[in-house]
Amino acid sequence: VYRGFTCLKTKQEMMSWATYNQCITHPYLRTIRNSTANILDLGPIHMKVISHLNHIVNDINLILAPDATYETLTLDGKPFERPEAFYAIQRLALDRETYPHFPQLLVAFFQGALDTWIRFSAEFAAGGAI
């Protein structure tokens, strides 16, 4: 396990995953847990996830910029679940010598999530299978 956490490639993958969790996963779970909607009625929430991911993919500096805030980065505009994790990742990302590929990896991670959300959400769309 220790070797995994000392591997720069693994660190960057974990940084991407943790960033996604702060921006998308935790806010999505807060939203659906607090909703009285049936799962079949979550289509609009899923479309919001897709829109938000698209926004981030098109400008990854929303995450990497020093003035990045939860208001524009989290799906629900509420504070990060673990702000210390998000800001630690931001600080690490500034080290372009150690983490030169992090911005591209982050875009690829969020793009992969976007592609998956599009496939997943199709059946919840109006006229979809569900």
N, C-alpha and C. Protein backbone atom coordinates (compact mmCIF):
# COMPACT_ATOMS: atom_id res chain seq x y z
N VAL A 1 0.83 -1.17 0.00
CA VAL A 1 0.00 0.00 0.00
C VAL A 1 0.89 1.26 0.00
N TYR A 2 1.93 1.24 0.81
CA TYR A 2 2.81 2.40 0.89
C TYR A 2 3.39 2.72 -0.48
N ARG A 3 3.83 1.70 -1.22
CA ARG A 3 4.40 1.93 -2.55
C ARG A 3 3.39 2.62 -3.46
N GLY A 4 2.13 2.26 -3.34
CA GLY A 4 1.10 2.89 -4.15
C GLY A 4 0.98 4.37 -3.89
N PHE A 5 1.10 4.75 -2.63
CA PHE A 5 0.97 6.16 -2.27
C PHE A 5 2.24 6.97 -2.53
N THR A 6 3.34 6.29 -2.82
CA THR A 6 4.56 7.01 -3.18
C THR A 6 4.72 7.08 -4.69
N CYS A 7 3.86 6.41 -5.42
CA CYS A 7 3.88 6.44 -6.89
C CYS A 7 3.19 7.72 -7.38
N LEU A 8 3.91 8.52 -8.15
CA LEU A 8 3.35 9.80 -8.62
C LEU A 8 2.12 9.61 -9.49
N LYS A 9 2.09 8.56 -10.30
CA LYS A 9 0.92 8.31 -11.15
C LYS A 9 -0.30 7.99 -10.28
N THR A 10 -0.09 7.16 -9.27
CA THR A 10 -1.19 6.82 -8.36
C THR A 10 -1.67 8.05 -7.60
N LYS A 11 -0.74 8.88 -7.15
CA LYS A 11 -1.13 10.10 -6.43
C LYS A 11 -2.01 10.98 -7.30
N GLN A 12 -1.63 11.14 -8.56
CA GLN A 12 -2.40 11.99 -9.46
C GLN A 12 -3.79 11.41 -9.73
N GLU A 13 -3.88 10.09 -9.82
CA GLU A 13 -5.19 9.45 -9.98
C GLU A 13 -6.05 9.69 -8.74
N MET A 14 -5.45 9.56 -7.56
CA MET A 14 -6.19 9.78 -6.32
C MET A 14 -6.59 11.25 -6.20
N MET A 15 -5.73 12.15 -6.64
CA MET A 15 -6.06 13.58 -6.62
C MET A 15 -7.26 13.85 -7.52
N SER A 16 -7.28 13.22 -8.69
CA SER A 16 -8.41 13.40 -9.62
C SER A 16 -9.69 12.86 -9.02
N TRP A 17 -9.61 11.67 -8.46
CA TRP A 17 -10.77 11.03 -7.86
C TRP A 17 -11.32 11.86 -6.70
N ALA A 18 -10.41 12.35 -5.84
CA ALA A 18 -10.85 13.14 -4.68
C ALA A 18 -11.47 14.46 -5.13
N THR A 19 -10.92 15.07 -6.18
CA THR A 19 -11.48 16.31 -6.70
C THR A 19 -12.88 16.07 -7.23
N TYR A 20 -13.07 14.99 -7.97
CA TYR A 20 -14.40 14.63 -8.49
C TYR A 20 -15.38 14.43 -7.33
N ASN A 21 -14.92 13.76 -6.29
CA ASN A 21 -15.79 13.53 -5.14
C ASN A 21 -16.24 14.83 -4.50
N GLN A 22 -15.34 15.79 -4.38
CA GLN A 22 -15.68 17.07 -3.76
C GLN A 22 -16.61 17.89 -4.64
N CYS A 23 -16.40 17.85 -5.94
CA CYS A 23 -17.19 18.68 -6.86
C CYS A 23 -18.51 18.05 -7.29
N ILE A 24 -18.54 16.73 -7.41
CA ILE A 24 -19.71 16.05 -7.97
C ILE A 24 -20.34 15.04 -7.01
N THR A 25 -19.58 14.06 -6.55
CA THR A 25 -20.16 12.95 -5.79
C THR A 25 -20.86 13.39 -4.52
N HIS A 26 -20.16 14.09 -3.65
CA HIS A 26 -20.78 14.50 -2.38
C HIS A 26 -21.99 15.41 -2.60
N PRO A 27 -21.88 16.42 -3.47
CA PRO A 27 -23.06 17.26 -3.71
C PRO A 27 -24.23 16.48 -4.33
N TYR A 28 -23.94 15.54 -5.23
CA TYR A 28 -25.01 14.74 -5.82
C TYR A 28 -25.70 13.92 -4.74
N LEU A 29 -24.92 13.28 -3.90
CA LEU A 29 -25.52 12.47 -2.83
C LEU A 29 -26.32 13.32 -1.86
N ARG A 30 -25.83 14.52 -1.53
CA ARG A 30 -26.61 15.42 -0.67
C ARG A 30 -27.95 15.74 -1.32
N THR A 31 -27.91 15.99 -2.63
CA THR A 31 -29.12 16.38 -3.35
C THR A 31 -30.14 15.26 -3.37
N ILE A 32 -29.71 14.06 -3.72
CA ILE A 32 -30.70 12.98 -3.84
C ILE A 32 -31.16 12.49 -2.48
N ARG A 33 -30.31 12.57 -1.47
CA ARG A 33 -30.73 12.16 -0.12
C ARG A 33 -31.79 13.10 0.44
N ASN A 34 -31.68 14.37 0.09
CA ASN A 34 -32.63 15.37 0.59
C ASN A 34 -33.85 15.53 -0.29
N SER A 35 -33.91 14.75 -1.34
CA SER A 35 -35.02 14.84 -2.29
C SER A 35 -36.14 13.89 -1.89
N THR A 36 -37.35 14.32 -2.13
CA THR A 36 -38.49 13.43 -1.91
C THR A 36 -38.89 12.76 -3.21
N ALA A 37 -38.13 13.04 -4.27
CA ALA A 37 -38.45 12.49 -5.59
C ALA A 37 -38.15 10.99 -5.65
N ASN A 38 -38.92 10.34 -6.46
CA ASN A 38 -38.69 8.95 -6.80
C ASN A 38 -37.49 8.90 -7.73
N ILE A 39 -36.75 7.81 -7.73
CA ILE A 39 -35.58 7.69 -8.61
C ILE A 39 -35.96 7.94 -10.07
N LEU A 40 -37.18 7.62 -10.41
CA LEU A 40 -37.63 7.81 -11.78
C LEU A 40 -37.78 9.29 -12.13
N ASP A 41 -37.81 10.15 -11.12
CA ASP A 41 -37.97 11.59 -11.34
C ASP A 41 -36.66 12.37 -11.23
N LEU A 42 -35.52 11.66 -11.22
CA LEU A 42 -34.24 12.31 -11.03
C LEU A 42 -33.61 12.82 -12.33
N GLY A 43 -34.28 12.68 -13.44
CA GLY A 43 -33.75 13.12 -14.72
C GLY A 43 -33.21 14.54 -14.71
N PRO A 44 -33.95 15.52 -14.16
CA PRO A 44 -33.44 16.90 -14.13
C PRO A 44 -32.14 17.04 -13.32
N ILE A 45 -32.03 16.29 -12.24
CA ILE A 45 -30.80 16.33 -11.45
C ILE A 45 -29.64 15.76 -12.27
N HIS A 46 -29.91 14.67 -12.98
CA HIS A 46 -28.87 14.07 -13.81
C HIS A 46 -28.44 15.01 -14.93
N MET A 47 -29.39 15.74 -15.49
CA MET A 47 -29.04 16.71 -16.53
C MET A 47 -28.18 17.84 -15.95
N LYS A 48 -28.43 18.20 -14.70
CA LYS A 48 -27.63 19.22 -14.04
C LYS A 48 -26.19 18.71 -13.84
N VAL A 49 -26.04 17.43 -13.48
CA VAL A 49 -24.71 16.84 -13.34
C VAL A 49 -23.96 16.92 -14.68
N ILE A 50 -24.64 16.55 -15.75
CA ILE A 50 -24.03 16.57 -17.08
C ILE A 50 -23.61 17.99 -17.45
N SER A 51 -24.47 18.94 -17.22
CA SER A 51 -24.15 20.33 -17.52
C SER A 51 -22.95 20.82 -16.71
N HIS A 52 -22.94 20.48 -15.44
CA HIS A 52 -21.86 20.92 -14.56
C HIS A 52 -20.53 20.29 -14.97
N LEU A 53 -20.56 19.00 -15.28
CA LEU A 53 -19.34 18.32 -15.73
C LEU A 53 -18.83 18.95 -17.03
N ASN A 54 -19.73 19.21 -17.93
CA ASN A 54 -19.35 19.83 -19.19
C ASN A 54 -18.69 21.18 -18.96
N HIS A 55 -19.24 21.94 -18.06
CA HIS A 55 -18.70 23.26 -17.71
C HIS A 55 -17.25 23.12 -17.19
N ILE A 56 -17.02 22.15 -16.32
CA ILE A 56 -15.68 21.94 -15.76
C ILE A 56 -14.71 21.42 -16.82
N VAL A 57 -15.15 20.46 -17.62
CA VAL A 57 -14.29 19.90 -18.67
C VAL A 57 -13.85 21.00 -19.65
N ASN A 58 -14.75 21.91 -19.95
CA ASN A 58 -14.43 22.98 -20.89
C ASN A 58 -13.52 24.05 -20.30
N ASP A 59 -13.38 24.08 -18.98
CA ASP A 59 -12.47 25.05 -18.35
C ASP A 59 -11.94 24.47 -17.04
N ILE A 60 -10.94 23.61 -17.15
CA ILE A 60 -10.40 22.94 -15.96
C ILE A 60 -9.77 23.93 -15.00
N ASN A 61 -9.47 25.14 -15.48
CA ASN A 61 -8.93 26.16 -14.59
C ASN A 61 -9.94 26.60 -13.54
N LEU A 62 -11.20 26.27 -13.73
CA LEU A 62 -12.18 26.52 -12.68
C LEU A 62 -11.75 25.81 -11.40
N ILE A 63 -11.12 24.65 -11.56
CA ILE A 63 -10.63 23.88 -10.42
C ILE A 63 -9.22 24.33 -10.02
N LEU A 64 -8.37 24.53 -11.01
CA LEU A 64 -6.96 24.77 -10.73
C LEU A 64 -6.62 26.22 -10.38
N ALA A 65 -7.51 27.15 -10.69
CA ALA A 65 -7.23 28.56 -10.43
C ALA A 65 -7.16 28.83 -8.93
N PRO A 66 -6.27 29.72 -8.52
CA PRO A 66 -6.13 30.03 -7.10
C PRO A 66 -7.40 30.59 -6.46
N ASP A 67 -8.26 31.20 -7.26
CA ASP A 67 -9.48 31.78 -6.72
C ASP A 67 -10.69 30.85 -6.84
N ALA A 68 -10.44 29.57 -7.09
CA ALA A 68 -11.53 28.60 -7.21
C ALA A 68 -12.29 28.51 -5.88
N THR A 69 -13.61 28.45 -5.99
CA THR A 69 -14.44 28.37 -4.78
C THR A 69 -15.52 27.30 -4.96
N TYR A 70 -16.03 26.86 -3.85
CA TYR A 70 -17.08 25.85 -3.89
C TYR A 70 -18.34 26.36 -4.59
N GLU A 71 -18.58 27.66 -4.56
CA GLU A 71 -19.79 28.21 -5.16
C GLU A 71 -19.90 27.87 -6.64
N THR A 72 -18.77 27.82 -7.32
CA THR A 72 -18.78 27.54 -8.76
C THR A 72 -18.38 26.11 -9.07
N LEU A 73 -17.80 25.41 -8.10
CA LEU A 73 -17.29 24.06 -8.39
C LEU A 73 -18.17 22.92 -7.93
N THR A 74 -18.88 23.10 -6.83
CA THR A 74 -19.71 21.99 -6.38
C THR A 74 -21.04 22.01 -7.12
N LEU A 75 -21.54 20.85 -7.36
CA LEU A 75 -22.79 20.69 -8.10
C LEU A 75 -23.93 21.49 -7.48
N ASP A 76 -23.95 21.53 -6.15
CA ASP A 76 -25.05 22.22 -5.47
C ASP A 76 -24.67 23.61 -4.94
N GLY A 77 -23.44 24.06 -5.20
CA GLY A 77 -23.01 25.37 -4.76
C GLY A 77 -22.77 25.48 -3.26
N LYS A 78 -22.79 24.34 -2.57
CA LYS A 78 -22.57 24.33 -1.13
C LYS A 78 -21.11 23.99 -0.84
N PRO A 79 -20.65 24.27 0.38
CA PRO A 79 -19.24 24.03 0.70
C PRO A 79 -18.78 22.60 0.42
N PHE A 80 -17.49 22.48 0.14
CA PHE A 80 -16.89 21.17 -0.07
C PHE A 80 -17.12 20.31 1.17
N GLU A 81 -17.29 19.01 0.96
CA GLU A 81 -17.41 18.07 2.07
C GLU A 81 -16.11 18.05 2.88
N ARG A 82 -15.00 18.07 2.19
CA ARG A 82 -13.67 18.07 2.80
C ARG A 82 -12.82 19.18 2.16
N PRO A 83 -13.03 20.42 2.58
CA PRO A 83 -12.30 21.52 1.96
C PRO A 83 -10.79 21.37 2.07
N GLU A 84 -10.32 20.79 3.18
CA GLU A 84 -8.88 20.61 3.34
C GLU A 84 -8.31 19.70 2.25
N ALA A 85 -9.07 18.72 1.82
CA ALA A 85 -8.62 17.83 0.74
C ALA A 85 -8.56 18.60 -0.58
N PHE A 86 -9.61 19.35 -0.87
CA PHE A 86 -9.63 20.10 -2.12
C PHE A 86 -8.47 21.08 -2.20
N TYR A 87 -8.26 21.85 -1.15
CA TYR A 87 -7.20 22.87 -1.19
C TYR A 87 -5.81 22.26 -1.14
N ALA A 88 -5.65 21.10 -0.52
CA ALA A 88 -4.37 20.40 -0.55
C ALA A 88 -4.06 19.95 -1.98
N ILE A 89 -5.07 19.45 -2.67
CA ILE A 89 -4.89 19.03 -4.06
C ILE A 89 -4.55 20.23 -4.93
N GLN A 90 -5.20 21.32 -4.70
CA GLN A 90 -4.89 22.54 -5.45
C GLN A 90 -3.44 22.95 -5.26
N ARG A 91 -2.96 22.88 -4.02
CA ARG A 91 -1.55 23.24 -3.75
C ARG A 91 -0.61 22.28 -4.47
N LEU A 92 -0.90 20.99 -4.41
CA LEU A 92 -0.06 20.00 -5.10
C LEU A 92 -0.05 20.25 -6.60
N ALA A 93 -1.19 20.62 -7.15
CA ALA A 93 -1.30 20.83 -8.60
C ALA A 93 -0.42 21.99 -9.07
N LEU A 94 -0.08 22.90 -8.18
CA LEU A 94 0.80 24.01 -8.54
C LEU A 94 2.23 23.55 -8.82
N ASP A 95 2.58 22.39 -8.31
CA ASP A 95 3.92 21.83 -8.50
C ASP A 95 3.97 21.12 -9.85
N ARG A 96 4.16 21.88 -10.90
CA ARG A 96 4.13 21.34 -12.27
C ARG A 96 5.33 20.45 -12.57
N GLU A 97 6.38 20.57 -11.78
CA GLU A 97 7.54 19.71 -11.99
C GLU A 97 7.25 18.29 -11.51
N THR A 98 6.61 18.17 -10.36
CA THR A 98 6.28 16.85 -9.82
C THR A 98 5.02 16.27 -10.46
N TYR A 99 4.05 17.11 -10.75
CA TYR A 99 2.76 16.67 -11.29
C TYR A 99 2.47 17.34 -12.64
N PRO A 100 3.32 17.12 -13.63
CA PRO A 100 3.16 17.84 -14.91
C PRO A 100 1.90 17.45 -15.69
N HIS A 101 1.40 16.26 -15.44
CA HIS A 101 0.26 15.77 -16.23
C HIS A 101 -1.07 15.87 -15.51
N PHE A 102 -1.06 16.42 -14.29
CA PHE A 102 -2.30 16.46 -13.52
C PHE A 102 -3.43 17.21 -14.22
N PRO A 103 -3.21 18.39 -14.80
CA PRO A 103 -4.34 19.07 -15.45
C PRO A 103 -4.98 18.22 -16.56
N GLN A 104 -4.16 17.58 -17.37
CA GLN A 104 -4.70 16.74 -18.45
C GLN A 104 -5.40 15.50 -17.89
N LEU A 105 -4.83 14.93 -16.85
CA LEU A 105 -5.45 13.77 -16.22
C LEU A 105 -6.80 14.14 -15.62
N LEU A 106 -6.86 15.31 -15.00
CA LEU A 106 -8.11 15.78 -14.40
C LEU A 106 -9.18 15.98 -15.47
N VAL A 107 -8.80 16.56 -16.60
CA VAL A 107 -9.75 16.73 -17.70
C VAL A 107 -10.22 15.36 -18.19
N ALA A 108 -9.29 14.42 -18.36
CA ALA A 108 -9.66 13.08 -18.83
C ALA A 108 -10.59 12.39 -17.83
N PHE A 109 -10.33 12.55 -16.55
CA PHE A 109 -11.17 11.94 -15.52
C PHE A 109 -12.59 12.51 -15.58
N PHE A 110 -12.69 13.82 -15.62
CA PHE A 110 -14.01 14.46 -15.67
C PHE A 110 -14.72 14.18 -17.00
N GLN A 111 -13.96 14.09 -18.10
CA GLN A 111 -14.56 13.75 -19.40
C GLN A 111 -15.11 12.33 -19.37
N GLY A 112 -14.35 11.40 -18.79
CA GLY A 112 -14.84 10.03 -18.66
C GLY A 112 -16.10 9.95 -17.82
N ALA A 113 -16.14 10.73 -16.75
CA ALA A 113 -17.34 10.78 -15.91
C ALA A 113 -18.50 11.37 -16.70
N LEU A 114 -18.24 12.42 -17.47
CA LEU A 114 -19.28 13.04 -18.29
C LEU A 114 -19.85 12.04 -19.28
N ASP A 115 -18.98 11.32 -19.97
CA ASP A 115 -19.43 10.31 -20.93
C ASP A 115 -20.30 9.26 -20.26
N THR A 116 -19.91 8.85 -19.07
CA THR A 116 -20.67 7.83 -18.33
C THR A 116 -22.01 8.38 -17.88
N TRP A 117 -22.04 9.61 -17.38
CA TRP A 117 -23.30 10.22 -16.96
C TRP A 117 -24.26 10.36 -18.14
N ILE A 118 -23.74 10.69 -19.30
CA ILE A 118 -24.60 10.81 -20.49
C ILE A 118 -25.25 9.46 -20.80
N ARG A 119 -24.45 8.39 -20.79
CA ARG A 119 -25.01 7.05 -21.04
C ARG A 119 -26.02 6.66 -19.97
N PHE A 120 -25.64 6.87 -18.71
CA PHE A 120 -26.50 6.49 -17.59
C PHE A 120 -27.82 7.27 -17.60
N SER A 121 -27.75 8.55 -17.91
CA SER A 121 -28.92 9.42 -17.81
C SER A 121 -29.89 9.29 -18.96
N ALA A 122 -29.46 8.70 -20.05
CA ALA A 122 -30.33 8.61 -21.24
C ALA A 122 -31.66 7.95 -20.92
N GLU A 123 -31.64 6.94 -20.09
CA GLU A 123 -32.89 6.25 -19.80
C GLU A 123 -33.81 7.04 -18.88
N PHE A 124 -33.28 8.08 -18.19
CA PHE A 124 -34.10 8.92 -17.32
C PHE A 124 -34.65 10.14 -18.07
N ALA A 125 -34.16 10.39 -19.26
CA ALA A 125 -34.61 11.56 -20.04
C ALA A 125 -36.06 11.37 -20.48
N ALA A 126 -36.71 12.48 -20.77
CA ALA A 126 -38.08 12.42 -21.29
C ALA A 126 -38.09 11.53 -22.54
N GLY A 127 -38.96 10.55 -22.55
CA GLY A 127 -39.04 9.63 -23.66
C GLY A 127 -38.01 8.50 -23.58
N GLY A 128 -37.22 8.47 -22.49
CA GLY A 128 -36.22 7.43 -22.31
C GLY A 128 -36.84 6.11 -21.88
N ALA A 129 -36.01 5.10 -21.73
CA ALA A 129 -36.48 3.75 -21.37
C ALA A 129 -37.25 3.73 -20.06
N ILE A 130 -36.90 4.58 -19.13
CA ILE A 130 -37.59 4.63 -17.83
C ILE A 130 -38.62 5.71 -17.91
